[in-house]
């Protein structure tokens, strides 16, 4: 049996944004050097990249994952099936990925982490985003879900089964309601520019779970890359803090591995959680020696004069280390 967790010590969570085939053995070493307690994968491992998912499944750390739209790239839509490079009558790579991840995949499900006193709940897997119900045949065949309402019910049911009162929600795409500008966390950055491209079922499920009394310190996702399609002048806003104090984190800094003249850098989003509250969120780049080469602090808690309360401040400070 492991030793009881010190309640004074923050829980350190690493969120791995859209991988798109950028994952190697150094990533596991980096996460262990970072000393994380939990790793969350928000999907888009590759275009049905079974090998990448197999590597993730073998990661020797507490983890949870959800599938993205690219993880059913050749299976979910007529467009994708027409371009499938393998025989779908002989292989089901979507199911292969799900089988590899097992209970780690929390799409339409939940996973308790009693040692951390939290439960991770997954939204709709394989999401493309937006207010139109896409890939109807795929969702009905795989999950028996026919519309947003039924999808919301599946997510809420998963949250109701949570063993902890503290729930972290994760999805591939984020929920609707975080802004309709193209640079917002789920904003539409292709023509016609603008509009909220979040998932309505995800937003409804979060609201119903909050109304049921669960504490929701963090909602994390990816899909909408930080680099935007319509401009190179600015990046997407990665965080949103709600009036309830929930931090919404878009972790899709793509590409997540870059080669400089002197170093090979891997990015992770790090979230510190203490007493069921987020105290800091940062985007870090880890070098070949597994130390942090740079850190961009996105959210920091400023303790108020009342020690029982705190205020989350969205920041944008970058430190080169």
C-alpha atoms as a PDB file:
ATOM      1  CA  UNK A   1       0.000   0.000   0.000  1.00  0.00           C
ATOM      2  CA  UNK A   2       1.201   3.510  -0.793  1.00  0.00           C
ATOM      3  CA  UNK A   3       1.598   6.085   1.960  1.00  0.00           C
ATOM      4  CA  UNK A   4      -1.348   8.435   2.603  1.00  0.00           C
ATOM      5  CA  UNK A   5      -1.123  11.644   0.622  1.00  0.00           C
ATOM      6  CA  UNK A   6      -0.084  14.814   2.472  1.00  0.00           C
ATOM      7  CA  UNK A   7      -3.158  17.114   2.188  1.00  0.00           C
ATOM      8  CA  UNK A   8      -0.874  20.159   2.386  1.00  0.00           C
ATOM      9  CA  UNK A   9       0.960  19.161  -0.778  1.00  0.00           C
ATOM     10  CA  UNK A  10      -0.568  20.398  -4.052  1.00  0.00           C
ATOM     11  CA  UNK A  11      -1.626  17.828  -6.630  1.00  0.00           C
ATOM     12  CA  UNK A  12       0.392  18.330  -9.810  1.00  0.00           C
ATOM     13  CA  UNK A  13      -1.480  17.467 -13.004  1.00  0.00           C
ATOM     14  CA  UNK A  14       0.079  17.398 -16.475  1.00  0.00           C
ATOM     15  CA  UNK A  15      -2.269  17.942 -19.405  1.00  0.00           C
ATOM     16  CA  UNK A  16      -0.927  16.744 -22.742  1.00  0.00           C
ATOM     17  CA  UNK A  17      -2.447  18.621 -25.641  1.00  0.00           C
ATOM     18  CA  UNK A  18      -3.094  17.325 -29.142  1.00  0.00           C
ATOM     19  CA  UNK A  19      -0.202  14.963 -29.862  1.00  0.00           C
ATOM     20  CA  UNK A  20      -0.614  14.414 -33.617  1.00  0.00           C
ATOM     21  CA  UNK A  21       2.024  11.649 -33.603  1.00  0.00           C
ATOM     22  CA  UNK A  22       4.492  13.727 -31.559  1.00  0.00           C
ATOM     23  CA  UNK A  23       5.219  11.437 -28.620  1.00  0.00           C
ATOM     24  CA  UNK A  24       8.418   9.577 -27.766  1.00  0.00           C
ATOM     25  CA  UNK A  25      10.184   7.869 -24.868  1.00  0.00           C
ATOM     26  CA  UNK A  26      11.542  11.191 -23.590  1.00  0.00           C
ATOM     27  CA  UNK A  27       7.992  12.286 -22.803  1.00  0.00           C
ATOM     28  CA  UNK A  28       7.587   9.650 -20.097  1.00  0.00           C
ATOM     29  CA  UNK A  29      10.959  10.570 -18.612  1.00  0.00           C
ATOM     30  CA  UNK A  30      10.030  14.253 -18.679  1.00  0.00           C
ATOM     31  CA  UNK A  31       6.759  13.632 -16.850  1.00  0.00           C
ATOM     32  CA  UNK A  32       8.557  11.638 -14.169  1.00  0.00           C
ATOM     33  CA  UNK A  33      11.164  14.371 -13.749  1.00  0.00           C
ATOM     34  CA  UNK A  34       8.347  16.905 -13.416  1.00  0.00           C
ATOM     35  CA  UNK A  35       6.988  14.831 -10.543  1.00  0.00           C
ATOM     36  CA  UNK A  36       3.376  14.830 -11.699  1.00  0.00           C
ATOM     37  CA  UNK A  37       0.659  12.951  -9.839  1.00  0.00           C
ATOM     38  CA  UNK A  38      -1.693  12.567 -12.801  1.00  0.00           C
ATOM     39  CA  UNK A  39      -1.509  12.887 -16.603  1.00  0.00           C
ATOM     40  CA  UNK A  40      -4.506  13.853 -18.742  1.00  0.00           C
ATOM     41  CA  UNK A  41      -4.494  13.281 -22.509  1.00  0.00           C
ATOM     42  CA  UNK A  42      -7.088  15.302 -24.439  1.00  0.00           C
ATOM     43  CA  UNK A  43      -6.950  13.293 -27.680  1.00  0.00           C
ATOM     44  CA  UNK A  44      -5.828  13.586 -31.286  1.00  0.00           C
ATOM     45  CA  UNK A  45      -3.014  11.079 -30.820  1.00  0.00           C
ATOM     46  CA  UNK A  46      -2.781  10.859 -34.611  1.00  0.00           C
ATOM     47  CA  UNK A  47      -4.930   9.690 -37.517  1.00  0.00           C
ATOM     48  CA  UNK A  48      -6.042   6.460 -35.823  1.00  0.00           C
ATOM     49  CA  UNK A  49      -2.422   6.003 -34.700  1.00  0.00           C
ATOM     50  CA  UNK A  50      -2.605   2.727 -32.810  1.00  0.00           C
ATOM     51  CA  UNK A  51       1.156   2.733 -32.149  1.00  0.00           C
ATOM     52  CA  UNK A  52       1.021   6.105 -30.391  1.00  0.00           C
ATOM     53  CA  UNK A  53      -1.966   5.045 -28.306  1.00  0.00           C
ATOM     54  CA  UNK A  54      -0.142   1.864 -27.374  1.00  0.00           C
ATOM     55  CA  UNK A  55       2.770   3.953 -26.069  1.00  0.00           C
ATOM     56  CA  UNK A  56       0.385   6.124 -24.069  1.00  0.00           C
ATOM     57  CA  UNK A  57      -1.372   3.075 -22.650  1.00  0.00           C
ATOM     58  CA  UNK A  58       1.951   1.727 -21.399  1.00  0.00           C
ATOM     59  CA  UNK A  59       2.853   4.976 -19.590  1.00  0.00           C
ATOM     60  CA  UNK A  60       3.670   4.070 -15.996  1.00  0.00           C
ATOM     61  CA  UNK A  61       1.846   6.962 -14.331  1.00  0.00           C
ATOM     62  CA  UNK A  62      -1.750   7.567 -13.190  1.00  0.00           C
ATOM     63  CA  UNK A  63      -3.561   8.785 -16.284  1.00  0.00           C
ATOM     64  CA  UNK A  64      -6.822   9.396 -18.092  1.00  0.00           C
ATOM     65  CA  UNK A  65      -7.463  10.007 -21.776  1.00  0.00           C
ATOM     66  CA  UNK A  66     -10.207  10.919 -24.214  1.00  0.00           C
ATOM     67  CA  UNK A  67     -10.300  10.359 -27.965  1.00  0.00           C
ATOM     68  CA  UNK A  68     -10.276  13.232 -30.455  1.00  0.00           C
ATOM     69  CA  UNK A  69     -11.698  13.620 -33.944  1.00  0.00           C
ATOM     70  CA  UNK A  70      -8.420  12.493 -35.559  1.00  0.00           C
ATOM     71  CA  UNK A  71      -8.587   9.264 -33.537  1.00  0.00           C
ATOM     72  CA  UNK A  72     -11.554   8.261 -35.719  1.00  0.00           C
ATOM     73  CA  UNK A  73     -10.285  10.080 -38.811  1.00  0.00           C
ATOM     74  CA  UNK A  74     -10.997   7.195 -41.211  1.00  0.00           C
ATOM     75  CA  UNK A  75     -14.061   5.824 -39.417  1.00  0.00           C
ATOM     76  CA  UNK A  76     -16.420   8.568 -38.254  1.00  0.00           C
ATOM     77  CA  UNK A  77     -17.386  10.308 -41.498  1.00  0.00           C
ATOM     78  CA  UNK A  78     -18.152   9.414 -45.096  1.00  0.00           C
ATOM     79  CA  UNK A  79     -15.266  11.692 -46.112  1.00  0.00           C
ATOM     80  CA  UNK A  80     -12.818   9.831 -43.881  1.00  0.00           C
ATOM     81  CA  UNK A  81     -14.016   6.359 -44.801  1.00  0.00           C
ATOM     82  CA  UNK A  82     -13.552   7.154 -48.482  1.00  0.00           C
ATOM     83  CA  UNK A  83      -9.867   7.903 -47.773  1.00  0.00           C
ATOM     84  CA  UNK A  84      -9.144   5.045 -45.399  1.00  0.00           C
ATOM     85  CA  UNK A  85      -5.699   3.525 -46.112  1.00  0.00           C
ATOM     86  CA  UNK A  86      -6.564   0.133 -44.571  1.00  0.00           C
ATOM     87  CA  UNK A  87      -9.321  -2.458 -44.978  1.00  0.00           C
ATOM     88  CA  UNK A  88     -12.024  -1.488 -42.508  1.00  0.00           C
ATOM     89  CA  UNK A  89     -13.724  -4.857 -43.017  1.00  0.00           C
ATOM     90  CA  UNK A  90     -10.651  -6.512 -41.503  1.00  0.00           C
ATOM     91  CA  UNK A  91      -9.542  -3.893 -38.980  1.00  0.00           C
ATOM     92  CA  UNK A  92     -11.264  -1.610 -36.502  1.00  0.00           C
ATOM     93  CA  UNK A  93      -8.534   0.749 -35.428  1.00  0.00           C
ATOM     94  CA  UNK A  94     -10.918   2.868 -33.402  1.00  0.00           C
ATOM     95  CA  UNK A  95     -11.760  -0.137 -31.260  1.00  0.00           C
ATOM     96  CA  UNK A  96      -8.103  -1.163 -31.106  1.00  0.00           C
ATOM     97  CA  UNK A  97      -7.280   2.204 -29.547  1.00  0.00           C
ATOM     98  CA  UNK A  98     -10.147   1.953 -27.070  1.00  0.00           C
ATOM     99  CA  UNK A  99      -9.116  -1.579 -26.103  1.00  0.00           C
ATOM    100  CA  UNK A 100      -5.534  -0.460 -25.494  1.00  0.00           C
ATOM    101  CA  UNK A 101      -6.603   2.360 -23.189  1.00  0.00           C
ATOM    102  CA  UNK A 102      -9.256   0.336 -21.368  1.00  0.00           C
ATOM    103  CA  UNK A 103     -10.629   2.145 -18.291  1.00  0.00           C
ATOM    104  CA  UNK A 104      -8.106   4.922 -18.884  1.00  0.00           C
ATOM    105  CA  UNK A 105     -10.376   6.178 -21.672  1.00  0.00           C
ATOM    106  CA  UNK A 106     -13.003   8.306 -19.915  1.00  0.00           C
ATOM    107  CA  UNK A 107     -15.098   9.361 -22.922  1.00  0.00           C
ATOM    108  CA  UNK A 108     -18.702   9.106 -21.660  1.00  0.00           C
ATOM    109  CA  UNK A 109     -17.238   7.679 -18.462  1.00  0.00           C
ATOM    110  CA  UNK A 110     -15.342   8.462 -15.283  1.00  0.00           C
ATOM    111  CA  UNK A 111     -12.267   7.303 -13.423  1.00  0.00           C
ATOM    112  CA  UNK A 112     -11.715   7.730  -9.695  1.00  0.00           C
ATOM    113  CA  UNK A 113      -8.319   8.609  -8.239  1.00  0.00           C
ATOM    114  CA  UNK A 114      -8.912   8.034  -4.510  1.00  0.00           C
ATOM    115  CA  UNK A 115      -5.323   8.854  -3.537  1.00  0.00           C
ATOM    116  CA  UNK A 116      -5.805  12.315  -5.060  1.00  0.00           C
ATOM    117  CA  UNK A 117      -9.401  12.691  -3.828  1.00  0.00           C
ATOM    118  CA  UNK A 118     -10.715  13.495  -7.292  1.00  0.00           C
ATOM    119  CA  UNK A 119     -12.596  11.939 -10.196  1.00  0.00           C
ATOM    120  CA  UNK A 120     -11.943  12.587 -13.882  1.00  0.00           C
ATOM    121  CA  UNK A 121     -15.078  12.664 -16.040  1.00  0.00           C
ATOM    122  CA  UNK A 122     -14.964  12.579 -19.822  1.00  0.00           C
ATOM    123  CA  UNK A 123     -17.244  14.396 -22.230  1.00  0.00           C
ATOM    124  CA  UNK A 124     -18.244  13.157 -25.699  1.00  0.00           C
ATOM    125  CA  UNK A 125     -15.288  11.344 -27.304  1.00  0.00           C
ATOM    126  CA  UNK A 126     -14.164  11.970 -30.897  1.00  0.00           C
ATOM    127  CA  UNK A 127     -15.695  15.465 -30.936  1.00  0.00           C
ATOM    128  CA  UNK A 128     -15.269  17.756 -33.952  1.00  0.00           C
ATOM    129  CA  UNK A 129     -16.916  20.677 -32.149  1.00  0.00           C
ATOM    130  CA  UNK A 130     -19.728  23.050 -33.020  1.00  0.00           C
ATOM    131  CA  UNK A 131     -23.494  23.262 -32.688  1.00  0.00           C
ATOM    132  CA  UNK A 132     -24.288  20.729 -35.449  1.00  0.00           C
ATOM    133  CA  UNK A 133     -24.629  17.040 -34.472  1.00  0.00           C
ATOM    134  CA  UNK A 134     -21.958  15.444 -36.700  1.00  0.00           C
ATOM    135  CA  UNK A 135     -21.208  11.815 -37.552  1.00  0.00           C
ATOM    136  CA  UNK A 136     -24.633  10.579 -36.464  1.00  0.00           C
ATOM    137  CA  UNK A 137     -24.152   7.006 -37.698  1.00  0.00           C
ATOM    138  CA  UNK A 138     -20.820   6.686 -35.894  1.00  0.00           C
ATOM    139  CA  UNK A 139     -22.218   7.813 -32.525  1.00  0.00           C
ATOM    140  CA  UNK A 140     -25.370   5.735 -32.801  1.00  0.00           C
ATOM    141  CA  UNK A 141     -23.459   2.574 -33.719  1.00  0.00           C
ATOM    142  CA  UNK A 142     -20.683   3.042 -31.158  1.00  0.00           C
ATOM    143  CA  UNK A 143     -22.579   4.565 -28.247  1.00  0.00           C
ATOM    144  CA  UNK A 144     -26.318   4.443 -28.990  1.00  0.00           C
ATOM    145  CA  UNK A 145     -26.374   8.251 -28.802  1.00  0.00           C
ATOM    146  CA  UNK A 146     -28.503  10.114 -31.355  1.00  0.00           C
ATOM    147  CA  UNK A 147     -28.317  13.807 -30.393  1.00  0.00           C
ATOM    148  CA  UNK A 148     -26.882  16.422 -28.052  1.00  0.00           C
ATOM    149  CA  UNK A 149     -29.531  15.769 -25.390  1.00  0.00           C
ATOM    150  CA  UNK A 150     -28.700  12.080 -25.189  1.00  0.00           C
ATOM    151  CA  UNK A 151     -25.012  12.937 -25.185  1.00  0.00           C
ATOM    152  CA  UNK A 152     -25.479  15.332 -22.269  1.00  0.00           C
ATOM    153  CA  UNK A 153     -27.301  12.599 -20.361  1.00  0.00           C
ATOM    154  CA  UNK A 154     -24.393  10.192 -20.881  1.00  0.00           C
ATOM    155  CA  UNK A 155     -21.874  12.716 -19.534  1.00  0.00           C
ATOM    156  CA  UNK A 156     -24.076  13.620 -16.550  1.00  0.00           C
ATOM    157  CA  UNK A 157     -24.560   9.945 -15.728  1.00  0.00           C
ATOM    158  CA  UNK A 158     -20.785   9.482 -15.681  1.00  0.00           C
ATOM    159  CA  UNK A 159     -20.415  12.460 -13.335  1.00  0.00           C
ATOM    160  CA  UNK A 160     -23.102  11.090 -11.032  1.00  0.00           C
ATOM    161  CA  UNK A 161     -21.066   7.897 -10.613  1.00  0.00           C
ATOM    162  CA  UNK A 162     -18.007   9.872  -9.457  1.00  0.00           C
ATOM    163  CA  UNK A 163     -16.548   8.584  -6.222  1.00  0.00           C
ATOM    164  CA  UNK A 164     -15.215  12.008  -5.258  1.00  0.00           C
ATOM    165  CA  UNK A 165     -16.947  15.328  -4.691  1.00  0.00           C
ATOM    166  CA  UNK A 166     -14.163  17.000  -6.694  1.00  0.00           C
ATOM    167  CA  UNK A 167     -14.594  16.445 -10.432  1.00  0.00           C
ATOM    168  CA  UNK A 168     -12.216  17.336 -13.246  1.00  0.00           C
ATOM    169  CA  UNK A 169     -13.898  17.367 -16.624  1.00  0.00           C
ATOM    170  CA  UNK A 170     -11.934  16.635 -19.757  1.00  0.00           C
ATOM    171  CA  UNK A 171     -12.915  16.625 -23.398  1.00  0.00           C
ATOM    172  CA  UNK A 172     -11.300  16.790 -26.771  1.00  0.00           C
ATOM    173  CA  UNK A 173     -13.153  19.970 -27.655  1.00  0.00           C
ATOM    174  CA  UNK A 174     -14.195  22.407 -24.967  1.00  0.00           C
ATOM    175  CA  UNK A 175     -17.709  23.463 -23.951  1.00  0.00           C
ATOM    176  CA  UNK A 176     -19.727  26.235 -25.531  1.00  0.00           C
ATOM    177  CA  UNK A 177     -19.803  29.475 -23.553  1.00  0.00           C
ATOM    178  CA  UNK A 178     -16.130  30.498 -23.434  1.00  0.00           C
ATOM    179  CA  UNK A 179     -16.423  33.302 -25.999  1.00  0.00           C
ATOM    180  CA  UNK A 180     -17.235  33.759 -29.663  1.00  0.00           C
ATOM    181  CA  UNK A 181     -14.138  35.615 -30.851  1.00  0.00           C
ATOM    182  CA  UNK A 182     -11.774  33.609 -33.079  1.00  0.00           C
ATOM    183  CA  UNK A 183      -9.024  33.868 -30.447  1.00  0.00           C
ATOM    184  CA  UNK A 184     -11.214  32.581 -27.593  1.00  0.00           C
ATOM    185  CA  UNK A 185     -10.505  29.060 -26.233  1.00  0.00           C
ATOM    186  CA  UNK A 186     -13.077  27.440 -28.572  1.00  0.00           C
ATOM    187  CA  UNK A 187     -13.514  30.323 -31.016  1.00  0.00           C
ATOM    188  CA  UNK A 188     -13.916  29.633 -34.736  1.00  0.00           C
ATOM    189  CA  UNK A 189     -10.709  30.753 -36.492  1.00  0.00           C
ATOM    190  CA  UNK A 190     -11.581  29.852 -40.079  1.00  0.00           C
ATOM    191  CA  UNK A 191     -13.826  31.575 -42.605  1.00  0.00           C
ATOM    192  CA  UNK A 192     -16.324  32.904 -41.891  1.00  0.00           C
ATOM    193  CA  UNK A 193     -14.292  34.115 -38.921  1.00  0.00           C
ATOM    194  CA  UNK A 194     -15.760  34.101 -35.439  1.00  0.00           C
ATOM    195  CA  UNK A 195     -18.382  32.179 -33.539  1.00  0.00           C
ATOM    196  CA  UNK A 196     -18.387  29.868 -30.535  1.00  0.00           C
ATOM    197  CA  UNK A 197     -17.401  26.363 -31.686  1.00  0.00           C
ATOM    198  CA  UNK A 198     -17.674  24.722 -28.268  1.00  0.00           C
ATOM    199  CA  UNK A 199     -19.703  21.601 -27.511  1.00  0.00           C
ATOM    200  CA  UNK A 200     -23.220  22.367 -26.181  1.00  0.00           C
ATOM    201  CA  UNK A 201     -23.630  18.923 -24.597  1.00  0.00           C
ATOM    202  CA  UNK A 202     -20.402  19.397 -22.657  1.00  0.00           C
ATOM    203  CA  UNK A 203     -21.531  22.790 -21.321  1.00  0.00           C
ATOM    204  CA  UNK A 204     -24.932  21.445 -20.276  1.00  0.00           C
ATOM    205  CA  UNK A 205     -23.338  18.485 -18.491  1.00  0.00           C
ATOM    206  CA  UNK A 206     -20.954  20.752 -16.561  1.00  0.00           C
ATOM    207  CA  UNK A 207     -23.851  22.993 -15.469  1.00  0.00           C
ATOM    208  CA  UNK A 208     -25.982  20.055 -14.333  1.00  0.00           C
ATOM    209  CA  UNK A 209     -23.059  18.516 -12.434  1.00  0.00           C
ATOM    210  CA  UNK A 210     -22.337  21.815 -10.687  1.00  0.00           C
ATOM    211  CA  UNK A 211     -26.028  22.163  -9.785  1.00  0.00           C
ATOM    212  CA  UNK A 212     -25.859  18.670  -8.272  1.00  0.00           C
ATOM    213  CA  UNK A 213     -23.252  19.938  -5.805  1.00  0.00           C
ATOM    214  CA  UNK A 214     -19.987  18.678  -7.265  1.00  0.00           C
ATOM    215  CA  UNK A 215     -16.869  20.862  -7.062  1.00  0.00           C
ATOM    216  CA  UNK A 216     -15.368  21.471 -10.521  1.00  0.00           C
ATOM    217  CA  UNK A 217     -11.961  23.159 -10.282  1.00  0.00           C
ATOM    218  CA  UNK A 218     -10.790  22.313 -13.809  1.00  0.00           C
ATOM    219  CA  UNK A 219     -12.204  21.652 -17.273  1.00  0.00           C
ATOM    220  CA  UNK A 220      -9.516  20.829 -19.817  1.00  0.00           C
ATOM    221  CA  UNK A 221      -9.525  20.089 -23.534  1.00  0.00           C
ATOM    222  CA  UNK A 222      -7.663  20.726 -26.806  1.00  0.00           C
ATOM    223  CA  UNK A 223      -8.764  20.497 -30.460  1.00  0.00           C
ATOM    224  CA  UNK A 224      -8.562  24.233 -31.239  1.00  0.00           C
ATOM    225  CA  UNK A 225      -4.828  24.822 -31.616  1.00  0.00           C
ATOM    226  CA  UNK A 226      -3.128  27.794 -29.983  1.00  0.00           C
ATOM    227  CA  UNK A 227      -1.728  28.825 -33.370  1.00  0.00           C
ATOM    228  CA  UNK A 228      -4.625  30.141 -35.416  1.00  0.00           C
ATOM    229  CA  UNK A 229      -5.402  29.760 -39.094  1.00  0.00           C
ATOM    230  CA  UNK A 230      -6.441  33.303 -39.949  1.00  0.00           C
ATOM    231  CA  UNK A 231      -3.556  35.211 -38.340  1.00  0.00           C
ATOM    232  CA  UNK A 232       0.021  34.733 -37.161  1.00  0.00           C
ATOM    233  CA  UNK A 233       0.027  37.974 -35.184  1.00  0.00           C
ATOM    234  CA  UNK A 234      -1.511  36.464 -32.044  1.00  0.00           C
ATOM    235  CA  UNK A 235      -2.168  33.112 -30.409  1.00  0.00           C
ATOM    236  CA  UNK A 236      -5.389  31.655 -29.090  1.00  0.00           C
ATOM    237  CA  UNK A 237      -6.313  32.515 -25.504  1.00  0.00           C
ATOM    238  CA  UNK A 238      -5.608  29.262 -23.633  1.00  0.00           C
ATOM    239  CA  UNK A 239      -7.539  29.875 -20.408  1.00  0.00           C
ATOM    240  CA  UNK A 240     -10.879  31.126 -19.162  1.00  0.00           C
ATOM    241  CA  UNK A 241     -11.873  31.449 -15.514  1.00  0.00           C
ATOM    242  CA  UNK A 242     -15.613  31.320 -14.785  1.00  0.00           C
ATOM    243  CA  UNK A 243     -17.443  33.249 -12.086  1.00  0.00           C
ATOM    244  CA  UNK A 244     -17.597  30.002 -10.079  1.00  0.00           C
ATOM    245  CA  UNK A 245     -13.784  29.800 -10.100  1.00  0.00           C
ATOM    246  CA  UNK A 246     -13.567  26.917 -12.567  1.00  0.00           C
ATOM    247  CA  UNK A 247     -10.492  27.088 -14.806  1.00  0.00           C
ATOM    248  CA  UNK A 248     -11.106  26.134 -18.440  1.00  0.00           C
ATOM    249  CA  UNK A 249      -7.802  25.145 -20.049  1.00  0.00           C
ATOM    250  CA  UNK A 250      -7.137  24.619 -23.754  1.00  0.00           C
ATOM    251  CA  UNK A 251      -3.877  22.637 -23.828  1.00  0.00           C
ATOM    252  CA  UNK A 252      -3.448  22.280 -27.613  1.00  0.00           C
ATOM    253  CA  UNK A 253      -0.068  23.931 -28.125  1.00  0.00           C
ATOM    254  CA  UNK A 254       0.820  22.395 -31.483  1.00  0.00           C
ATOM    255  CA  UNK A 255       3.394  21.257 -32.472  1.00  0.00           C
ATOM    256  CA  UNK A 256       4.104  19.980 -28.983  1.00  0.00           C
ATOM    257  CA  UNK A 257       7.680  18.980 -29.797  1.00  0.00           C
ATOM    258  CA  UNK A 258      10.065  21.472 -31.409  1.00  0.00           C
ATOM    259  CA  UNK A 259      13.740  21.305 -32.317  1.00  0.00           C
ATOM    260  CA  UNK A 260      15.864  24.398 -31.694  1.00  0.00           C
ATOM    261  CA  UNK A 261      19.528  24.866 -32.609  1.00  0.00           C
ATOM    262  CA  UNK A 262      20.596  23.535 -29.225  1.00  0.00           C
ATOM    263  CA  UNK A 263      17.670  21.638 -27.721  1.00  0.00           C
ATOM    264  CA  UNK A 264      14.639  19.443 -28.355  1.00  0.00           C
ATOM    265  CA  UNK A 265      11.674  20.775 -26.409  1.00  0.00           C
ATOM    266  CA  UNK A 266       8.458  19.019 -25.345  1.00  0.00           C
ATOM    267  CA  UNK A 267       5.467  20.973 -24.020  1.00  0.00           C
ATOM    268  CA  UNK A 268       3.081  20.145 -21.203  1.00  0.00           C
ATOM    269  CA  UNK A 269       0.425  22.156 -19.421  1.00  0.00           C
ATOM    270  CA  UNK A 270       0.873  21.913 -15.646  1.00  0.00           C
ATOM    271  CA  UNK A 271      -1.969  22.462 -13.191  1.00  0.00           C
ATOM    272  CA  UNK A 272      -1.493  22.724  -9.421  1.00  0.00           C
ATOM    273  CA  UNK A 273      -4.552  21.762  -7.394  1.00  0.00           C
ATOM    274  CA  UNK A 274      -4.811  22.358  -3.653  1.00  0.00           C
ATOM    275  CA  UNK A 275      -7.837  21.768  -1.480  1.00  0.00           C
ATOM    276  CA  UNK A 276      -9.970  21.208  -4.554  1.00  0.00           C
ATOM    277  CA  UNK A 277      -8.978  24.567  -6.027  1.00  0.00           C
ATOM    278  CA  UNK A 278      -6.607  25.436  -8.878  1.00  0.00           C
ATOM    279  CA  UNK A 279      -3.660  27.458  -7.582  1.00  0.00           C
ATOM    280  CA  UNK A 280      -1.589  27.736 -10.782  1.00  0.00           C
ATOM    281  CA  UNK A 281      -1.631  26.809 -14.456  1.00  0.00           C
ATOM    282  CA  UNK A 282       1.414  27.057 -16.700  1.00  0.00           C
ATOM    283  CA  UNK A 283       2.664  25.924 -20.092  1.00  0.00           C
ATOM    284  CA  UNK A 284       6.163  24.498 -19.822  1.00  0.00           C
ATOM    285  CA  UNK A 285       8.761  23.407 -22.348  1.00  0.00           C
ATOM    286  CA  UNK A 286      11.021  20.590 -21.139  1.00  0.00           C
ATOM    287  CA  UNK A 287      14.451  20.118 -22.686  1.00  0.00           C
ATOM    288  CA  UNK A 288      16.625  17.104 -23.433  1.00  0.00           C
ATOM    289  CA  UNK A 289      18.023  17.137 -19.887  1.00  0.00           C
ATOM    290  CA  UNK A 290      14.404  16.895 -18.604  1.00  0.00           C
ATOM    291  CA  UNK A 291      14.524  20.287 -16.901  1.00  0.00           C
ATOM    292  CA  UNK A 292      12.104  23.117 -17.659  1.00  0.00           C
ATOM    293  CA  UNK A 293      13.609  25.380 -20.317  1.00  0.00           C
ATOM    294  CA  UNK A 294      10.777  27.931 -20.178  1.00  0.00           C
ATOM    295  CA  UNK A 295       7.543  28.402 -18.271  1.00  0.00           C
ATOM    296  CA  UNK A 296       4.569  30.576 -19.202  1.00  0.00           C
ATOM    297  CA  UNK A 297       2.319  31.125 -16.195  1.00  0.00           C
ATOM    298  CA  UNK A 298      -1.287  31.336 -17.416  1.00  0.00           C
ATOM    299  CA  UNK A 299      -3.208  31.457 -14.125  1.00  0.00           C
ATOM    300  CA  UNK A 300      -2.020  32.165 -10.586  1.00  0.00           C
ATOM    301  CA  UNK A 301      -3.913  32.292  -7.309  1.00  0.00           C
ATOM    302  CA  UNK A 302      -3.423  35.482  -5.307  1.00  0.00           C
ATOM    303  CA  UNK A 303      -4.285  34.757  -1.675  1.00  0.00           C
ATOM    304  CA  UNK A 304      -6.691  37.384  -0.377  1.00  0.00           C
ATOM    305  CA  UNK A 305      -6.555  38.948   3.079  1.00  0.00           C
ATOM    306  CA  UNK A 306      -9.028  36.282   4.164  1.00  0.00           C
ATOM    307  CA  UNK A 307      -6.913  33.072   4.273  1.00  0.00           C
ATOM    308  CA  UNK A 308      -9.967  30.979   3.457  1.00  0.00           C
ATOM    309  CA  UNK A 309     -10.467  32.674   0.092  1.00  0.00           C
ATOM    310  CA  UNK A 310      -8.348  33.242  -2.979  1.00  0.00           C
ATOM    311  CA  UNK A 311      -8.640  34.923  -6.338  1.00  0.00           C
ATOM    312  CA  UNK A 312      -7.497  33.406  -9.600  1.00  0.00           C
ATOM    313  CA  UNK A 313      -5.675  35.878 -11.816  1.00  0.00           C
ATOM    314  CA  UNK A 314      -5.135  35.256 -15.520  1.00  0.00           C
ATOM    315  CA  UNK A 315      -1.581  36.236 -16.391  1.00  0.00           C
ATOM    316  CA  UNK A 316       0.800  35.804 -19.296  1.00  0.00           C
ATOM    317  CA  UNK A 317       4.289  35.870 -17.833  1.00  0.00           C
ATOM    318  CA  UNK A 318       7.035  33.791 -19.451  1.00  0.00           C
ATOM    319  CA  UNK A 319      10.245  32.789 -17.695  1.00  0.00           C
ATOM    320  CA  UNK A 320      13.251  31.411 -19.543  1.00  0.00           C
ATOM    321  CA  UNK A 321      15.138  29.084 -17.230  1.00  0.00           C
END
